[in-house]
Amino acid sequence: MSRPDIANLAVGDVIGTRTVTFDRAALVRYAGASGDFNPIHWNDKVAEGAGLPGVIAHGMLTMGTVVGLVSEWAGDPGAVVDYQSRFTKPVEVPNPGTAQIEVTGTVGVIDADAGTVRVDLAVTVDGAKVLGRTQVLVRV
């Protein structure tokens, strides 16, 4: 994919959409890679005992996966210079089944002098926001 041209962008432009799917196997793989073996990410009884609806996806897995929309649009993961988000609701991962995370990226701010674009991500599951104020600063 070619890199975006800042001169051809406008605030409000949608850079893309994506559906991310997590199943329990994805959580196990992430736990192994990250070293985060907290049982709320794999054991229903422990998750429910902690007041959760069931097993939930790791927050960093969710955050790290959805930013892929922006890094692919930018044409280079190194173009992402800042990324921030707030966790607003856990992503419940049913067993059996999957969690479907919907991601939409929209241009929020353009700074032509700095050569940067802020992309705002809307991240939802079943219409409910799971990440809030998710903003990615990209050097284009």
C-alpha atoms as a PDB file:
ATOM      1  CA  MET A   1       0.000   0.000   0.000  1.00  0.00           C
ATOM      2  CA  SER A   2       1.298   3.477  -0.841  1.00  0.00           C
ATOM      3  CA  ARG A   3       1.661   6.137   1.809  1.00  0.00           C
ATOM      4  CA  PRO A   4      -1.135   8.706   2.075  1.00  0.00           C
ATOM      5  CA  ASP A   5      -0.591  12.186   0.647  1.00  0.00           C
ATOM      6  CA  ILE A   6      -1.374  14.802   3.290  1.00  0.00           C
ATOM      7  CA  ALA A   7      -2.436  17.278   0.586  1.00  0.00           C
ATOM      8  CA  ASN A   8      -5.265  14.928  -0.422  1.00  0.00           C
ATOM      9  CA  LEU A   9      -6.658  14.417   3.081  1.00  0.00           C
ATOM     10  CA  ALA A  10      -9.478  16.245   4.835  1.00  0.00           C
ATOM     11  CA  VAL A  11     -10.766  16.141   8.378  1.00  0.00           C
ATOM     12  CA  GLY A  12     -13.617  13.630   8.469  1.00  0.00           C
ATOM     13  CA  ASP A  13     -12.167  11.334   5.794  1.00  0.00           C
ATOM     14  CA  VAL A  14     -12.601   7.673   6.698  1.00  0.00           C
ATOM     15  CA  ILE A  15      -9.276   5.908   6.211  1.00  0.00           C
ATOM     16  CA  GLY A  16     -10.803   2.461   6.511  1.00  0.00           C
ATOM     17  CA  THR A  17     -12.800  -0.055   8.488  1.00  0.00           C
ATOM     18  CA  ARG A  18     -11.980  -3.486   9.795  1.00  0.00           C
ATOM     19  CA  THR A  19     -13.487  -6.311  11.804  1.00  0.00           C
ATOM     20  CA  VAL A  20     -11.140  -8.004  14.256  1.00  0.00           C
ATOM     21  CA  THR A  21     -12.130 -11.427  15.584  1.00  0.00           C
ATOM     22  CA  PHE A  22     -10.901 -12.938  18.842  1.00  0.00           C
ATOM     23  CA  ASP A  23     -11.594 -16.447  20.052  1.00  0.00           C
ATOM     24  CA  ARG A  24     -10.293 -18.156  23.178  1.00  0.00           C
ATOM     25  CA  ALA A  25      -7.338 -19.595  21.255  1.00  0.00           C
ATOM     26  CA  ALA A  26      -6.206 -16.051  20.361  1.00  0.00           C
ATOM     27  CA  LEU A  27      -6.241 -15.173  24.059  1.00  0.00           C
ATOM     28  CA  VAL A  28      -4.095 -18.198  24.897  1.00  0.00           C
ATOM     29  CA  ARG A  29      -1.604 -17.319  22.156  1.00  0.00           C
ATOM     30  CA  TYR A  30      -1.414 -13.715  23.367  1.00  0.00           C
ATOM     31  CA  ALA A  31      -0.968 -14.832  26.988  1.00  0.00           C
ATOM     32  CA  GLY A  32       1.989 -16.946  25.930  1.00  0.00           C
ATOM     33  CA  ALA A  33       3.553 -14.169  23.869  1.00  0.00           C
ATOM     34  CA  SER A  34       3.024 -11.438  26.460  1.00  0.00           C
ATOM     35  CA  GLY A  35       3.482 -13.402  29.653  1.00  0.00           C
ATOM     36  CA  ASP A  36       0.091 -12.151  30.916  1.00  0.00           C
ATOM     37  CA  PHE A  37      -1.473 -15.313  32.335  1.00  0.00           C
ATOM     38  CA  ASN A  38      -4.088 -13.545  34.470  1.00  0.00           C
ATOM     39  CA  PRO A  39      -6.919 -16.118  34.703  1.00  0.00           C
ATOM     40  CA  ILE A  40      -9.592 -13.522  33.848  1.00  0.00           C
ATOM     41  CA  HIS A  41      -8.362 -14.026  30.285  1.00  0.00           C
ATOM     42  CA  TRP A  42      -8.950 -17.797  30.219  1.00  0.00           C
ATOM     43  CA  ASN A  43     -11.041 -18.980  33.189  1.00  0.00           C
ATOM     44  CA  ASP A  44     -14.774 -18.153  33.289  1.00  0.00           C
ATOM     45  CA  LYS A  45     -15.129 -18.916  36.993  1.00  0.00           C
ATOM     46  CA  VAL A  46     -12.291 -16.568  37.980  1.00  0.00           C
ATOM     47  CA  ALA A  47     -13.509 -13.838  35.592  1.00  0.00           C
ATOM     48  CA  GLU A  48     -17.053 -14.025  36.942  1.00  0.00           C
ATOM     49  CA  GLY A  49     -15.710 -14.062  40.506  1.00  0.00           C
ATOM     50  CA  ALA A  50     -13.956 -10.785  39.709  1.00  0.00           C
ATOM     51  CA  GLY A  51     -17.293  -9.269  38.650  1.00  0.00           C
ATOM     52  CA  LEU A  52     -16.731  -9.623  34.923  1.00  0.00           C
ATOM     53  CA  PRO A  53     -19.330 -11.043  32.512  1.00  0.00           C
ATOM     54  CA  GLY A  54     -16.929 -13.846  31.594  1.00  0.00           C
ATOM     55  CA  VAL A  55     -13.471 -14.217  30.093  1.00  0.00           C
ATOM     56  CA  ILE A  56     -12.262 -10.953  28.588  1.00  0.00           C
ATOM     57  CA  ALA A  57      -9.624 -10.147  25.993  1.00  0.00           C
ATOM     58  CA  HIS A  58      -6.370  -8.583  27.154  1.00  0.00           C
ATOM     59  CA  GLY A  59      -6.570  -4.808  26.843  1.00  0.00           C
ATOM     60  CA  MET A  60      -3.189  -4.565  25.152  1.00  0.00           C
ATOM     61  CA  LEU A  61      -4.207  -7.269  22.667  1.00  0.00           C
ATOM     62  CA  THR A  62      -7.276  -5.241  21.739  1.00  0.00           C
ATOM     63  CA  MET A  63      -5.362  -1.972  21.544  1.00  0.00           C
ATOM     64  CA  GLY A  64      -2.450  -3.471  19.634  1.00  0.00           C
ATOM     65  CA  THR A  65      -4.662  -5.199  17.114  1.00  0.00           C
ATOM     66  CA  VAL A  66      -6.942  -2.305  16.210  1.00  0.00           C
ATOM     67  CA  VAL A  67      -4.055   0.116  15.518  1.00  0.00           C
ATOM     68  CA  GLY A  68      -3.118  -2.153  12.596  1.00  0.00           C
ATOM     69  CA  LEU A  69      -5.776  -0.372  10.548  1.00  0.00           C
ATOM     70  CA  VAL A  70      -3.800   2.866  10.858  1.00  0.00           C
ATOM     71  CA  SER A  71      -0.316   1.443  10.395  1.00  0.00           C
ATOM     72  CA  GLU A  72      -1.415  -0.333   7.216  1.00  0.00           C
ATOM     73  CA  TRP A  73      -3.072   2.848   5.921  1.00  0.00           C
ATOM     74  CA  ALA A  74       0.115   4.800   6.687  1.00  0.00           C
ATOM     75  CA  GLY A  75       2.170   2.228   4.775  1.00  0.00           C
ATOM     76  CA  ASP A  76       4.683   1.903   7.624  1.00  0.00           C
ATOM     77  CA  PRO A  77       4.167   0.922  11.272  1.00  0.00           C
ATOM     78  CA  GLY A  78       7.058   3.265  12.122  1.00  0.00           C
ATOM     79  CA  ALA A  79       4.929   6.195  10.950  1.00  0.00           C
ATOM     80  CA  VAL A  80       2.842   5.899  14.133  1.00  0.00           C
ATOM     81  CA  VAL A  81       4.438   8.404  16.528  1.00  0.00           C
ATOM     82  CA  ASP A  82       1.827   8.420  19.310  1.00  0.00           C
ATOM     83  CA  TYR A  83      -1.097   6.209  20.261  1.00  0.00           C
ATOM     84  CA  GLN A  84      -3.486   6.575  23.152  1.00  0.00           C
ATOM     85  CA  SER A  85      -6.782   5.149  24.222  1.00  0.00           C
ATOM     86  CA  ARG A  86      -9.084   4.644  27.179  1.00  0.00           C
ATOM     87  CA  PHE A  87     -10.558   1.287  28.042  1.00  0.00           C
ATOM     88  CA  THR A  88     -14.310   1.822  28.368  1.00  0.00           C
ATOM     89  CA  LYS A  89     -15.711  -1.710  28.406  1.00  0.00           C
ATOM     90  CA  PRO A  90     -14.151  -5.183  28.490  1.00  0.00           C
ATOM     91  CA  VAL A  91     -14.241  -7.311  25.352  1.00  0.00           C
ATOM     92  CA  GLU A  92     -15.995 -10.517  26.408  1.00  0.00           C
ATOM     93  CA  VAL A  93     -14.860 -13.581  24.456  1.00  0.00           C
ATOM     94  CA  PRO A  94     -17.499 -16.342  24.595  1.00  0.00           C
ATOM     95  CA  ASN A  95     -16.793 -20.056  24.668  1.00  0.00           C
ATOM     96  CA  PRO A  96     -17.598 -21.320  22.156  1.00  0.00           C
ATOM     97  CA  GLY A  97     -17.653 -18.373  19.793  1.00  0.00           C
ATOM     98  CA  THR A  98     -15.833 -15.179  18.973  1.00  0.00           C
ATOM     99  CA  ALA A  99     -15.823 -11.506  19.822  1.00  0.00           C
ATOM    100  CA  GLN A 100     -16.233  -9.300  16.750  1.00  0.00           C
ATOM    101  CA  ILE A 101     -14.532  -5.917  17.171  1.00  0.00           C
ATOM    102  CA  GLU A 102     -15.514  -3.252  14.650  1.00  0.00           C
ATOM    103  CA  VAL A 103     -12.927  -0.546  13.928  1.00  0.00           C
ATOM    104  CA  THR A 104     -13.364   2.644  11.893  1.00  0.00           C
ATOM    105  CA  GLY A 105     -10.570   5.174  11.394  1.00  0.00           C
ATOM    106  CA  THR A 106     -11.375   8.814  10.654  1.00  0.00           C
ATOM    107  CA  VAL A 107      -9.037  11.753  10.077  1.00  0.00           C
ATOM    108  CA  GLY A 108      -9.446  14.009  13.118  1.00  0.00           C
ATOM    109  CA  VAL A 109      -6.685  16.605  12.723  1.00  0.00           C
ATOM    110  CA  ILE A 110      -4.232  17.472   9.963  1.00  0.00           C
ATOM    111  CA  ASP A 111      -1.023  19.408  10.730  1.00  0.00           C
ATOM    112  CA  ALA A 112       0.529  20.076   7.338  1.00  0.00           C
ATOM    113  CA  ASP A 113       3.460  21.999   8.850  1.00  0.00           C
ATOM    114  CA  ALA A 114       4.429  19.054  11.064  1.00  0.00           C
ATOM    115  CA  GLY A 115       3.493  16.492   8.394  1.00  0.00           C
ATOM    116  CA  THR A 116       1.218  14.649  10.800  1.00  0.00           C
ATOM    117  CA  VAL A 117      -2.342  13.387  10.829  1.00  0.00           C
ATOM    118  CA  ARG A 118      -4.330  12.370  13.876  1.00  0.00           C
ATOM    119  CA  VAL A 119      -6.569   9.409  13.148  1.00  0.00           C
ATOM    120  CA  ASP A 120      -9.451   8.810  15.540  1.00  0.00           C
ATOM    121  CA  LEU A 121     -10.539   5.199  15.941  1.00  0.00           C
ATOM    122  CA  ALA A 122     -14.084   4.135  16.796  1.00  0.00           C
ATOM    123  CA  VAL A 123     -13.828   0.681  18.381  1.00  0.00           C
ATOM    124  CA  THR A 124     -17.018  -1.214  19.220  1.00  0.00           C
ATOM    125  CA  VAL A 125     -18.404  -4.672  19.970  1.00  0.00           C
ATOM    126  CA  ASP A 126     -22.100  -5.190  19.237  1.00  0.00           C
ATOM    127  CA  GLY A 127     -22.464  -1.413  18.927  1.00  0.00           C
ATOM    128  CA  ALA A 128     -20.970  -0.715  22.382  1.00  0.00           C
ATOM    129  CA  LYS A 129     -17.770   1.332  22.600  1.00  0.00           C
ATOM    130  CA  VAL A 130     -14.918  -0.742  24.071  1.00  0.00           C
ATOM    131  CA  LEU A 131     -12.118   1.779  23.543  1.00  0.00           C
ATOM    132  CA  GLY A 132     -12.728   5.485  23.949  1.00  0.00           C
ATOM    133  CA  ARG A 133     -10.832   8.551  22.824  1.00  0.00           C
ATOM    134  CA  THR A 134      -8.598   6.347  20.725  1.00  0.00           C
ATOM    135  CA  GLN A 135      -6.222   8.594  18.825  1.00  0.00           C
ATOM    136  CA  VAL A 136      -3.250   7.732  16.649  1.00  0.00           C
ATOM    137  CA  LEU A 137      -0.739  10.355  15.530  1.00  0.00           C
ATOM    138  CA  VAL A 138       0.872   9.448  12.211  1.00  0.00           C
ATOM    139  CA  ARG A 139       3.723  11.114  10.348  1.00  0.00           C
ATOM    140  CA  VAL A 140       2.808  11.035   6.673  1.00  0.00           C
END
